[in-house]
Amino acid sequence: MNEEQIKAICKFLVEYGNRNLNDVEKELLKQAVDQSHNWQELFLTMMMASKH
């Protein structure tokens, strides 16, 4: 699995995950996923997406 495929999965999870995010939050998280330059940034972004 390459980086773009992983980012696509992350954006899918932001859009359709169990969290009740408004449209602005979803868009900001998807932008953060796209702008991640390494695995650490991507991991931290997804951790923020999973916070309650």
Protein backbone atom coordinates (compact mmCIF):
# COMPACT_ATOMS: atom_id res chain seq x y z
CA MET A 1 0.00 0.00 0.00
CA ASN A 2 1.47 3.34 -0.97
CA GLU A 3 1.21 6.70 0.78
CA GLU A 4 -1.64 8.00 -1.41
CA GLN A 5 -3.75 4.91 -0.73
CA ILE A 6 -3.22 5.27 3.01
CA LYS A 7 -4.17 8.95 2.85
CA ALA A 8 -7.33 8.02 0.93
CA ILE A 9 -8.27 5.52 3.65
CA CYS A 10 -7.64 8.14 6.33
CA LYS A 11 -9.87 10.66 4.55
CA PHE A 12 -12.56 7.99 4.17
CA LEU A 13 -12.41 7.34 7.92
CA VAL A 14 -12.70 11.07 8.64
CA GLU A 15 -15.75 11.31 6.38
CA TYR A 16 -17.54 8.13 7.44
CA GLY A 17 -16.11 7.31 10.88
CA ASN A 18 -18.01 7.13 14.15
CA ARG A 19 -17.16 10.69 15.17
CA ASN A 20 -19.80 13.38 14.80
CA LEU A 21 -17.73 16.00 12.99
CA ASN A 22 -19.20 19.01 11.27
CA ASP A 23 -18.31 19.77 7.66
CA VAL A 24 -15.61 22.29 8.59
CA GLU A 25 -13.88 19.84 10.94
CA LYS A 26 -13.97 17.12 8.30
CA GLU A 27 -12.51 19.41 5.66
CA LEU A 28 -9.73 20.62 7.97
CA LEU A 29 -8.79 17.06 8.91
CA LYS A 30 -8.78 15.96 5.26
CA GLN A 31 -6.51 18.90 4.41
CA ALA A 32 -4.20 17.94 7.27
CA VAL A 33 -4.06 14.37 5.91
CA ASP A 34 -3.19 15.68 2.42
CA GLN A 35 -0.49 17.97 3.80
CA SER A 36 1.16 15.32 5.98
CA HIS A 37 4.81 14.98 4.95
CA ASN A 38 5.66 11.83 6.88
CA TRP A 39 4.13 8.96 8.84
CA GLN A 40 4.43 10.82 12.14
CA GLU A 41 2.36 13.76 10.91
CA LEU A 42 -0.23 11.44 9.39
CA PHE A 43 -0.43 9.41 12.60
CA LEU A 44 -0.85 12.54 14.74
CA THR A 45 -3.55 13.86 12.41
CA MET A 46 -5.52 10.64 12.70
CA MET A 47 -5.10 10.64 16.47
CA MET A 48 -6.61 14.14 16.53
CA ALA A 49 -9.48 12.87 14.39
CA SER A 50 -10.20 10.15 16.93
CA LYS A 51 -10.23 12.40 20.04
CA HIS A 52 -13.57 12.93 21.77
